Structures are given as C-alpha cells and as structure tokens.
N, C-alpha and C. Protein backbone atom coordinates (compact mmCIF):
# COMPACT_ATOMS: atom_id res chain seq x y z
N UNK A 1 106.67 357.09 70.30
CA UNK A 1 106.43 356.18 69.24
C UNK A 1 106.66 355.82 67.23
N UNK A 2 105.52 357.18 66.97
CA UNK A 2 105.68 357.67 65.64
C UNK A 2 106.97 358.31 65.31
N UNK A 3 107.79 359.06 67.07
CA UNK A 3 109.21 359.87 66.19
C UNK A 3 109.56 358.64 65.81
N UNK A 4 110.17 357.66 66.40
CA UNK A 4 111.15 356.22 66.56
C UNK A 4 110.56 355.94 64.78
N UNK A 5 109.63 355.20 64.02
CA UNK A 5 109.06 355.22 63.24
C UNK A 5 109.65 356.09 62.17
N UNK A 6 109.60 357.53 62.29
CA UNK A 6 109.55 358.84 61.15
C UNK A 6 110.97 358.47 60.99
N UNK A 7 111.82 358.39 62.52
CA UNK A 7 113.86 358.76 62.60
C UNK A 7 114.01 356.91 61.39
N UNK A 8 113.45 356.07 61.89
CA UNK A 8 113.42 354.81 61.56
C UNK A 8 113.86 355.15 59.27
N UNK A 9 112.63 355.23 59.26
CA UNK A 9 112.34 355.78 57.64
C UNK A 9 113.41 356.81 57.11
N UNK A 10 113.08 357.80 57.77
CA UNK A 10 114.27 358.96 57.64
C UNK A 10 115.76 358.16 57.17
N UNK A 11 116.19 357.25 58.12
CA UNK A 11 117.77 357.04 58.37
C UNK A 11 117.65 356.09 56.88
N UNK A 12 116.73 355.01 57.14
CA UNK A 12 116.28 354.48 55.41
C UNK A 12 116.92 354.65 54.90
N UNK A 13 115.80 355.96 54.51
CA UNK A 13 115.87 357.16 52.81
C UNK A 13 117.51 357.88 52.50
N UNK A 14 118.67 357.98 53.93
CA UNK A 14 119.68 358.02 53.98
C UNK A 14 120.23 356.72 53.55
N UNK A 15 120.32 355.66 53.56
CA UNK A 15 121.09 354.40 53.37
C UNK A 15 120.85 354.31 51.78
N UNK A 16 119.67 354.10 51.39
CA UNK A 16 119.22 354.72 49.61
C UNK A 16 120.10 355.32 49.53
N UNK A 17 120.27 357.00 49.54
CA UNK A 17 120.87 358.03 48.81
C UNK A 17 122.82 357.78 48.78
N UNK A 18 123.21 356.86 49.95
CA UNK A 18 124.35 356.15 50.02
C UNK A 18 124.56 355.12 49.32
N UNK A 19 123.39 354.34 49.19
CA UNK A 19 123.67 353.24 47.75
C UNK A 19 123.66 353.87 46.71
N UNK A 20 122.79 355.49 46.45
CA UNK A 20 122.70 355.42 45.18
C UNK A 20 124.14 356.27 44.47
N UNK A 21 124.78 356.96 46.02
CA UNK A 21 126.47 357.36 45.59
C UNK A 21 127.30 356.82 45.57
N UNK A 22 127.16 355.54 45.79
CA UNK A 22 127.72 354.00 45.38
C UNK A 22 128.26 353.89 44.26
N UNK A 23 126.40 353.03 43.88
CA UNK A 23 126.24 353.56 42.34
C UNK A 23 126.70 354.26 41.63
N UNK A 24 126.46 355.59 41.18
CA UNK A 24 126.73 356.62 40.76
C UNK A 24 128.54 356.55 40.88
N UNK A 25 128.83 356.26 41.73
CA UNK A 25 130.55 355.66 41.87
C UNK A 25 131.09 354.82 40.49
N UNK A 26 130.13 354.21 40.70
CA UNK A 26 130.03 352.81 40.15
C UNK A 26 129.66 353.10 38.32
N UNK A 27 129.11 353.50 38.03
CA UNK A 27 128.87 354.37 36.66
C UNK A 27 129.39 354.70 35.82
N UNK A 28 130.41 355.76 37.29
CA UNK A 28 131.14 357.20 36.49
C UNK A 28 132.57 356.34 36.33
N UNK A 29 133.04 355.27 36.95
CA UNK A 29 134.46 355.08 37.49
C UNK A 29 134.06 353.78 36.54
N UNK A 30 133.27 352.61 36.33
CA UNK A 30 133.45 351.82 36.39
C UNK A 30 133.82 350.33 37.30
N UNK A 31 134.27 350.94 38.54
CA UNK A 31 134.16 349.79 39.76
C UNK A 31 134.04 350.24 41.13
N UNK A 32 132.56 349.42 41.53
CA UNK A 32 132.22 349.61 42.55
C UNK A 32 132.86 349.70 43.74
N UNK A 33 132.97 350.62 44.88
CA UNK A 33 133.46 351.10 45.91
C UNK A 33 132.48 351.12 46.66
N UNK A 34 131.88 351.19 48.15
CA UNK A 34 131.45 350.84 49.25
C UNK A 34 131.62 352.52 49.27
N UNK A 35 130.96 353.50 50.35
CA UNK A 35 131.82 354.65 51.18
C UNK A 35 131.71 354.19 52.59
N UNK A 36 132.50 354.21 52.90
CA UNK A 36 132.28 354.05 54.59
C UNK A 36 131.96 354.86 55.27
N UNK A 37 131.15 355.02 56.18
CA UNK A 37 130.09 355.37 57.29
C UNK A 37 130.96 357.66 57.67
N UNK A 38 132.19 357.16 58.25
CA UNK A 38 133.00 358.13 58.66
C UNK A 38 133.22 358.60 57.45
N UNK A 39 133.39 358.00 56.07
CA UNK A 39 133.65 359.33 55.36
C UNK A 39 132.73 359.67 54.75
N UNK A 40 131.62 359.53 54.79
CA UNK A 40 130.21 360.26 54.68
C UNK A 40 130.18 361.53 55.36
N UNK A 41 130.46 361.01 56.68
CA UNK A 41 130.42 361.78 57.66
C UNK A 41 130.79 362.70 58.19
N UNK A 42 132.44 362.64 57.33
CA UNK A 42 133.35 363.65 56.98
C UNK A 42 132.87 364.22 55.61
N UNK A 43 132.34 363.61 55.11
CA UNK A 43 131.59 364.72 53.66
C UNK A 43 131.01 366.18 54.93
N UNK A 44 129.90 365.83 55.23
CA UNK A 44 129.04 366.26 55.37
C UNK A 44 129.20 367.04 56.61
N UNK A 45 130.44 366.93 57.90
CA UNK A 45 130.51 368.16 59.26
C UNK A 45 131.54 367.47 59.41
N UNK A 46 132.92 368.07 59.20
CA UNK A 46 133.97 367.20 59.96
C UNK A 46 134.25 367.50 61.04
N UNK A 47 133.91 368.77 61.12
CA UNK A 47 134.06 369.76 62.45
C UNK A 47 132.69 368.78 63.67
N UNK A 48 132.23 368.43 63.44
CA UNK A 48 131.30 367.42 64.37
C UNK A 48 132.03 365.95 64.51
N UNK A 49 132.78 365.67 63.64
CA UNK A 49 133.29 363.66 63.92
C UNK A 49 134.60 364.37 64.91
N UNK A 50 135.00 365.37 64.99
CA UNK A 50 136.56 365.82 65.51
C UNK A 50 136.01 365.75 67.10
N UNK A 51 134.61 366.73 67.03
CA UNK A 51 134.05 366.95 68.15
C UNK A 51 133.59 365.95 69.11
N UNK A 52 133.40 365.23 68.31
CA UNK A 52 132.73 363.72 68.38
C UNK A 52 133.76 362.89 68.93
N UNK A 53 134.96 362.85 68.13
CA UNK A 53 136.56 362.90 68.87
C UNK A 53 136.75 362.67 70.05
N UNK A 54 136.65 363.59 70.10
CA UNK A 54 137.65 364.65 71.28
C UNK A 54 136.89 364.07 72.50
N UNK A 55 134.67 364.95 72.31
CA UNK A 55 134.40 364.01 73.61
C UNK A 55 134.73 362.86 74.05
N UNK A 56 134.34 361.69 73.18
CA UNK A 56 134.02 360.32 73.72
C UNK A 56 135.84 360.25 74.23
N UNK A 57 136.59 360.76 73.18
CA UNK A 57 137.99 360.26 74.36
C UNK A 57 138.12 361.05 75.70
N UNK A 58 137.45 362.05 75.18
CA UNK A 58 138.31 362.79 77.37
C UNK A 58 136.79 362.45 78.15
N UNK A 59 135.65 362.72 77.25
CA UNK A 59 134.82 362.06 78.87
C UNK A 59 134.27 361.24 79.18
N UNK A 60 134.22 360.43 77.99
CA UNK A 60 133.56 358.27 78.34
C UNK A 60 135.17 357.78 78.61
N UNK A 61 135.66 357.11 77.19
CA UNK A 61 137.23 356.43 76.97
C UNK A 61 137.75 356.43 76.02
N UNK A 62 138.85 356.88 75.76
CA UNK A 62 139.87 356.64 74.66
C UNK A 62 139.47 355.01 74.00
N UNK A 63 139.58 354.33 74.81
CA UNK A 63 139.82 352.85 74.25
C UNK A 63 138.07 352.89 73.67
N UNK A 64 137.07 353.32 73.60
CA UNK A 64 135.67 352.72 73.03
C UNK A 64 135.57 353.71 71.79
N UNK A 65 136.15 355.08 71.75
CA UNK A 65 137.07 355.76 70.13
C UNK A 65 137.74 355.01 69.61
N UNK A 66 138.97 354.78 70.01
CA UNK A 66 139.95 353.55 69.22
C UNK A 66 139.10 352.08 68.40
N UNK A 67 138.86 351.34 69.51
CA UNK A 67 138.75 350.04 69.77
C UNK A 67 136.95 349.81 68.99
N UNK A 68 135.88 350.71 69.23
CA UNK A 68 134.91 350.42 68.93
C UNK A 68 134.16 351.26 67.68
N UNK A 69 134.35 353.12 67.96
CA UNK A 69 133.94 354.08 67.14
C UNK A 69 134.62 353.62 65.58
N UNK A 70 136.12 353.82 65.76
CA UNK A 70 136.56 353.72 64.35
C UNK A 70 136.39 353.06 63.77
N UNK A 71 136.05 351.71 64.16
CA UNK A 71 135.54 349.97 63.68
C UNK A 71 134.59 350.12 62.50
N UNK A 72 133.70 351.09 63.71
CA UNK A 72 132.26 350.86 63.09
C UNK A 72 132.34 352.17 61.66
N UNK A 73 132.84 353.08 62.29
CA UNK A 73 132.83 354.21 61.50
C UNK A 73 133.30 354.21 59.95
N UNK A 74 134.08 352.50 59.78
CA UNK A 74 134.73 352.37 58.80
C UNK A 74 134.01 350.63 57.43
N UNK A 75 132.50 350.62 58.53
CA UNK A 75 131.47 349.96 57.81
C UNK A 75 131.47 350.94 57.22
N UNK A 76 130.45 349.91 55.66
CA UNK A 76 130.21 350.21 54.72
C UNK A 76 128.99 351.47 55.05
N UNK A 77 128.50 352.70 54.59
CA UNK A 77 127.16 353.43 55.34
C UNK A 77 126.30 352.75 54.43
N UNK A 78 125.76 352.14 53.50
CA UNK A 78 124.09 352.04 53.22
C UNK A 78 124.12 350.78 53.73
N UNK A 79 124.99 349.61 54.30
CA UNK A 79 124.44 349.01 54.82
C UNK A 79 124.52 349.44 56.74
N UNK A 80 125.43 349.93 56.87
CA UNK A 80 124.56 350.12 58.17
C UNK A 80 123.36 350.51 58.33
N UNK A 81 123.33 352.01 57.84
CA UNK A 81 121.75 352.71 57.63
C UNK A 81 120.87 352.31 57.48
N UNK A 82 120.59 350.96 56.48
CA UNK A 82 119.94 350.48 56.36
C UNK A 82 119.27 349.38 57.49
N UNK A 83 120.86 348.85 57.84
CA UNK A 83 120.35 348.16 59.18
C UNK A 83 119.75 348.78 60.28
N UNK A 84 121.13 350.29 61.18
CA UNK A 84 119.75 350.44 62.05
C UNK A 84 117.96 351.23 61.53
N UNK A 85 118.08 351.62 60.45
CA UNK A 85 116.90 352.12 60.16
C UNK A 85 115.80 350.64 60.14
N UNK A 86 116.23 349.40 59.87
CA UNK A 86 115.59 348.77 59.78
C UNK A 86 114.49 348.22 61.58
N UNK A 87 115.98 348.46 62.46
CA UNK A 87 115.80 348.44 63.93
C UNK A 87 114.67 348.66 63.96
N UNK A 88 115.78 350.00 64.15
CA UNK A 88 114.47 351.91 64.30
C UNK A 88 112.76 351.07 64.22
N UNK A 89 112.54 351.08 63.08
CA UNK A 89 111.59 350.39 62.54
C UNK A 89 110.95 349.20 63.29
N UNK A 90 111.94 348.18 63.46
CA UNK A 90 111.25 347.09 64.41
C UNK A 90 110.95 347.49 65.63
N UNK A 91 111.82 348.16 66.15
CA UNK A 91 111.39 348.53 67.49
C UNK A 91 110.82 349.03 67.81
N UNK A 92 110.09 350.35 66.78
CA UNK A 92 108.93 351.42 67.31
C UNK A 92 107.58 351.02 66.40
N UNK A 93 107.71 349.28 66.50
CA UNK A 93 106.60 349.35 65.33
C UNK A 93 104.98 349.11 65.74
N UNK A 94 104.37 349.22 64.97
CA UNK A 94 103.07 349.63 65.77
C UNK A 94 102.04 348.04 66.63
N UNK A 95 102.13 348.43 67.64
CA UNK A 95 101.63 347.25 68.10
C UNK A 95 100.43 347.29 68.41
N UNK A 96 99.33 346.31 68.20
CA UNK A 96 97.87 346.06 68.70
C UNK A 96 97.81 346.27 69.81
N UNK A 97 96.82 346.85 70.20
CA UNK A 97 96.71 346.99 71.77
C UNK A 97 95.96 346.26 72.25
N UNK A 98 95.99 345.52 73.46
CA UNK A 98 95.33 344.30 73.95
C UNK A 98 93.93 345.27 74.68
N UNK A 99 93.05 344.27 74.62
CA UNK A 99 91.66 344.55 75.16
C UNK A 99 91.67 344.18 76.60
N UNK A 100 90.94 345.01 77.08
CA UNK A 100 90.71 344.41 78.72
C UNK A 100 89.10 344.37 78.90
N UNK A 101 88.72 342.91 79.48
CA UNK A 101 87.77 341.54 79.61
C UNK A 101 87.10 342.48 80.38
C-alpha cells in the first residue's frame, strides 16, 4: 500500500515537472505547446521506447501498439501523468480498519 502511494506522489511530481517544462516553453516562445507523453519518453530514453515497441508488437500484438499505445503516447504528458498519479493515490489510499466486535 505504501509503495503505491509513494509511486502515485512521484508520478504527480513528474506531472508538475512536465507542466513546468510546458510553461517554460510558453515563457520562452510566447506560444503554449503541451509536450506529448511519447515525446518526453523519447527525450529520456529513446532505446527503451524502441524496445517497448518491438516487445509489444512482437510478443503481444502489433494492433495494440499501433492502435492503442501510439494514441496514448500522443496525449499531453502533464495531464496524463497527473491523472495516473491521482488514480494511484486513490487506489492505494489509506483505509480505516474495521473493528471486530
């Protein structure tokens, strides 16, 4: 449970960093442009993106990569990461323990 909450907070921090990069670009150029999730993944590690494509296409389904994952990788990074972080925090939230009678 605690690992899920920590992961959720880390993903939210990444979302804030991605939005900071978008806002810095706006401040620098005067035009707002949201970076895509796949674009940021490509900046961080191009090889792992290529390996993920090969692995999914070869071992799972080429349709999954071409139809679903490519679409998700084109979504705005800050919004996608924020949604994922909030979902993780909600799923792994601290619940009250029930008392036995």
